[in-house]
Amino acid sequence: MNSRKVVYLFFTSLLIGSISGAIVGLVIDWSLYTSEGAMNFIFGLVWLLGISAAFSLISQMGFFAYLTIHRLGLGLFKTAKLWNKVQVIVIAFVIFDLIYLRYIAFAEADETIFNYVLMPILILIYGIIIAYIKAKDTNQGAFIPALFFIVVVTTIEWVPALTVNDPKWLWIYFAPLLAANTWQLLILHRLTGNQTK
């Protein structure tokens, strides 16, 4: 992959992450940004674009970190089959942690653990859909790594918002991460011209 394609990947991921985060932020706090005139809306929009751009940069760092970890995992475990099994175990562990650890940390007295199940299950379902698309575009061996990236890496990148547990910030942080991660995952093989990875 040449430098022009790297620059393209960087700026398109930045743009997609920024716009998705700004849209979610506006939807969540529409009245806040529209209640005090046009300048308030413009400054609010610029702020949302900026903060979402920062989150999309985190997404890009996570993407390149995963590419490195994936190569190390393949080398360490010698076969893709064994490395995929390890990734499946880590995916299950992360889904469990997203449910149980958040419940332990943030549940109110009247809440059940089922209140914390929906979001991790939706992330898993979304990851399966994206992994299926990636595998269909490349090969079946890409399914588990793509699922791992969407579920595990996105969750790791999302940890600062998860520890605060403010619903507004959970979504404003999550939208650019997920959008940029999805874009990077689905465009990489087209940029490299390698349909087998």
Protein backbone atom coordinates (compact mmCIF):
# COMPACT_ATOMS: atom_id res chain seq x y z
CA MET A 1 0.00 0.00 0.00
CA ASN A 2 1.54 3.31 -1.05
CA SER A 3 1.52 6.61 0.86
CA ARG A 4 -1.37 8.02 -1.19
CA LYS A 5 -3.60 5.15 -0.09
CA VAL A 6 -2.51 5.54 3.54
CA VAL A 7 -3.40 9.24 3.39
CA TYR A 8 -6.75 8.37 1.78
CA LEU A 9 -7.49 5.83 4.54
CA PHE A 10 -6.52 8.34 7.23
CA PHE A 11 -8.64 11.23 5.98
CA THR A 12 -11.69 9.20 4.96
CA SER A 13 -11.71 7.46 8.37
CA LEU A 14 -11.34 10.84 10.07
CA LEU A 15 -14.21 12.30 8.03
CA ILE A 16 -16.55 9.33 8.55
CA GLY A 17 -15.84 9.22 12.28
CA SER A 18 -16.27 12.98 12.68
CA ILE A 19 -19.57 13.15 10.81
CA SER A 20 -21.06 10.10 12.54
CA GLY A 21 -20.16 11.41 15.99
CA ALA A 22 -21.51 14.87 15.18
CA ILE A 23 -24.81 13.43 13.94
CA VAL A 24 -25.25 11.31 17.07
CA GLY A 25 -24.29 14.26 19.30
CA LEU A 26 -26.82 16.52 17.58
CA VAL A 27 -29.57 13.92 17.87
CA ILE A 28 -28.89 13.35 21.57
CA ASP A 29 -28.75 17.06 22.50
CA TRP A 30 -30.77 18.68 19.69
CA SER A 31 -32.48 21.20 21.97
CA LEU A 32 -29.17 22.25 23.53
CA TYR A 33 -27.64 23.11 20.14
CA THR A 34 -30.72 24.74 18.62
CA SER A 35 -32.14 26.68 21.57
CA GLU A 36 -29.89 29.77 21.47
CA GLY A 37 -29.58 30.70 17.83
CA ALA A 38 -27.44 29.92 14.81
CA MET A 39 -24.07 30.70 16.39
CA ASN A 40 -24.74 28.28 19.23
CA PHE A 41 -25.56 25.58 16.66
CA ILE A 42 -22.44 26.31 14.59
CA PHE A 43 -20.10 26.29 17.60
CA GLY A 44 -21.78 23.16 18.94
CA LEU A 45 -21.42 21.43 15.59
CA VAL A 46 -17.74 22.41 15.30
CA TRP A 47 -17.14 21.11 18.83
CA LEU A 48 -18.88 17.81 18.06
CA LEU A 49 -16.92 17.41 14.82
CA GLY A 50 -13.66 18.07 16.69
CA ILE A 51 -14.31 15.69 19.57
CA SER A 52 -15.53 13.01 17.16
CA ALA A 53 -12.39 13.49 15.04
CA ALA A 54 -10.31 12.79 18.17
CA PHE A 55 -12.25 9.59 18.77
CA SER A 56 -11.78 8.53 15.15
CA LEU A 57 -8.02 9.03 15.59
CA ILE A 58 -8.19 6.60 18.50
CA SER A 59 -9.99 4.21 16.16
CA GLN A 60 -7.18 4.48 13.61
CA MET A 61 -4.53 3.80 16.24
CA GLY A 62 -6.50 0.73 17.33
CA PHE A 63 -6.76 -0.47 13.74
CA PHE A 64 -3.05 -0.37 13.09
CA ALA A 65 -2.35 -1.86 16.52
CA TYR A 66 -4.67 -4.76 15.68
CA LEU A 67 -2.96 -5.34 12.34
CA THR A 68 0.31 -5.70 14.24
CA ILE A 69 -1.21 -7.92 16.95
CA HIS A 70 -2.85 -10.10 14.30
CA ARG A 71 0.50 -10.74 12.60
CA LEU A 72 2.12 -11.45 15.99
CA GLY A 73 -0.71 -13.85 16.86
CA LEU A 74 -0.32 -15.72 13.60
CA GLY A 75 3.41 -16.03 14.24
CA LEU A 76 3.03 -17.01 17.90
CA PHE A 77 0.32 -19.65 17.42
CA LYS A 78 1.81 -20.93 14.15
CA THR A 79 -1.57 -21.59 12.49
CA ALA A 80 -4.50 -19.34 11.70
CA LYS A 81 -6.89 -22.00 13.08
CA LEU A 82 -5.36 -21.89 16.58
CA TRP A 83 -5.08 -18.09 16.53
CA ASN A 84 -8.77 -17.88 15.53
CA LYS A 85 -9.72 -20.08 18.51
CA VAL A 86 -7.83 -17.73 20.82
CA GLN A 87 -9.64 -14.76 19.29
CA VAL A 88 -13.04 -16.43 19.78
CA ILE A 89 -12.23 -16.98 23.47
CA VAL A 90 -11.23 -13.33 23.85
CA ILE A 91 -14.45 -12.20 22.07
CA ALA A 92 -16.54 -14.27 24.52
CA PHE A 93 -14.56 -12.88 27.47
CA VAL A 94 -15.07 -9.27 26.31
CA ILE A 95 -18.82 -9.75 25.77
CA PHE A 96 -19.10 -11.29 29.25
CA ASP A 97 -17.11 -8.40 30.76
CA LEU A 98 -19.23 -5.79 28.98
CA ILE A 99 -22.26 -7.31 30.64
CA TYR A 100 -21.03 -8.44 34.06
CA LEU A 101 -18.40 -5.85 34.97
CA ARG A 102 -20.63 -2.93 33.98
CA TYR A 103 -23.45 -4.48 36.01
CA ILE A 104 -21.20 -4.85 39.06
CA ALA A 105 -19.84 -1.31 38.72
CA PHE A 106 -22.95 0.68 37.81
CA ALA A 107 -26.15 -1.24 38.64
CA GLU A 108 -28.67 0.49 40.87
CA ALA A 109 -30.44 -1.45 43.59
CA ASP A 110 -33.53 -2.08 41.43
CA GLU A 111 -31.67 -3.00 38.22
CA THR A 112 -31.10 -6.52 36.97
CA ILE A 113 -28.21 -7.77 34.88
CA PHE A 114 -30.53 -7.90 31.85
CA ASN A 115 -30.36 -4.09 31.64
CA TYR A 116 -26.69 -4.51 30.70
CA VAL A 117 -27.13 -7.31 28.15
CA LEU A 118 -28.64 -5.43 25.20
CA MET A 119 -25.68 -3.27 24.16
CA PRO A 120 -23.04 -6.07 24.13
CA ILE A 121 -25.42 -8.37 22.22
CA LEU A 122 -26.09 -5.64 19.64
CA ILE A 123 -22.34 -5.07 19.24
CA LEU A 124 -21.86 -8.81 18.73
CA ILE A 125 -24.66 -8.98 16.14
CA TYR A 126 -23.27 -5.93 14.33
CA GLY A 127 -19.78 -7.50 14.43
CA ILE A 128 -21.12 -10.74 12.92
CA ILE A 129 -22.78 -8.81 10.08
CA ILE A 130 -19.64 -6.80 9.30
CA ALA A 131 -17.44 -9.90 9.59
CA TYR A 132 -19.75 -11.73 7.17
CA ILE A 133 -19.43 -8.88 4.66
CA LYS A 134 -15.64 -8.85 5.06
CA ALA A 135 -15.43 -12.63 4.62
CA LYS A 136 -17.69 -12.48 1.56
CA ASP A 137 -15.51 -9.76 0.01
CA THR A 138 -12.24 -11.56 0.78
CA ASN A 139 -12.28 -15.12 2.13
CA GLN A 140 -13.81 -17.15 4.96
CA GLY A 141 -10.60 -16.90 6.97
CA ALA A 142 -11.26 -13.19 7.48
CA PHE A 143 -14.47 -13.75 9.47
CA ILE A 144 -13.02 -14.30 12.97
CA PRO A 145 -10.35 -11.56 12.73
CA ALA A 146 -12.99 -9.09 11.50
CA LEU A 147 -15.38 -10.07 14.31
CA PHE A 148 -12.56 -9.76 16.83
CA PHE A 149 -11.66 -6.30 15.55
CA ILE A 150 -15.22 -4.97 15.65
CA VAL A 151 -16.08 -6.42 19.06
CA VAL A 152 -12.83 -6.48 21.03
CA VAL A 153 -10.82 -3.59 19.62
CA THR A 154 -13.83 -1.25 19.51
CA THR A 155 -14.62 -2.14 23.13
CA ILE A 156 -11.04 -1.47 24.24
CA GLU A 157 -11.12 1.90 22.47
CA TRP A 158 -14.47 2.61 24.15
CA VAL A 159 -13.21 1.98 27.71
CA PRO A 160 -12.83 5.69 28.72
CA ALA A 161 -16.54 6.28 28.06
CA LEU A 162 -17.51 2.96 29.65
CA THR A 163 -15.82 3.88 32.91
CA VAL A 164 -17.75 7.17 33.10
CA ASN A 165 -21.04 5.43 32.19
CA ASP A 166 -22.76 8.63 31.06
CA PRO A 167 -25.30 7.57 28.37
CA LYS A 168 -24.66 10.70 26.31
CA TRP A 169 -20.91 10.15 26.21
CA LEU A 170 -21.28 6.42 25.67
CA TRP A 171 -23.00 7.12 22.35
CA ILE A 172 -21.00 10.19 21.27
CA TYR A 173 -17.78 8.24 21.84
CA PHE A 174 -19.09 4.97 20.38
CA ALA A 175 -20.46 6.29 17.07
CA PRO A 176 -17.17 7.57 15.58
CA LEU A 177 -15.28 4.54 16.86
CA LEU A 178 -17.68 2.07 15.29
CA ALA A 179 -18.10 4.00 12.05
CA ALA A 180 -14.35 4.49 11.53
CA ASN A 181 -13.54 0.90 12.53
CA THR A 182 -16.15 -0.46 10.12
CA TRP A 183 -14.88 1.73 7.29
CA GLN A 184 -11.23 0.79 7.84
CA LEU A 185 -12.03 -2.91 8.02
CA LEU A 186 -14.15 -2.96 4.86
CA ILE A 187 -11.91 -0.71 2.73
CA LEU A 188 -8.47 -2.16 3.57
CA HIS A 189 -8.52 -5.06 1.10
CA ARG A 190 -9.67 -2.71 -1.67
CA LEU A 191 -6.78 -0.33 -1.00
CA THR A 192 -4.18 -3.08 -0.83
CA GLY A 193 -5.65 -4.91 -3.80
CA ASN A 194 -5.47 -8.11 -1.79
CA GLN A 195 -8.80 -9.92 -1.73
CA THR A 196 -7.45 -12.76 0.42
CA LYS A 197 -6.90 -10.79 3.65
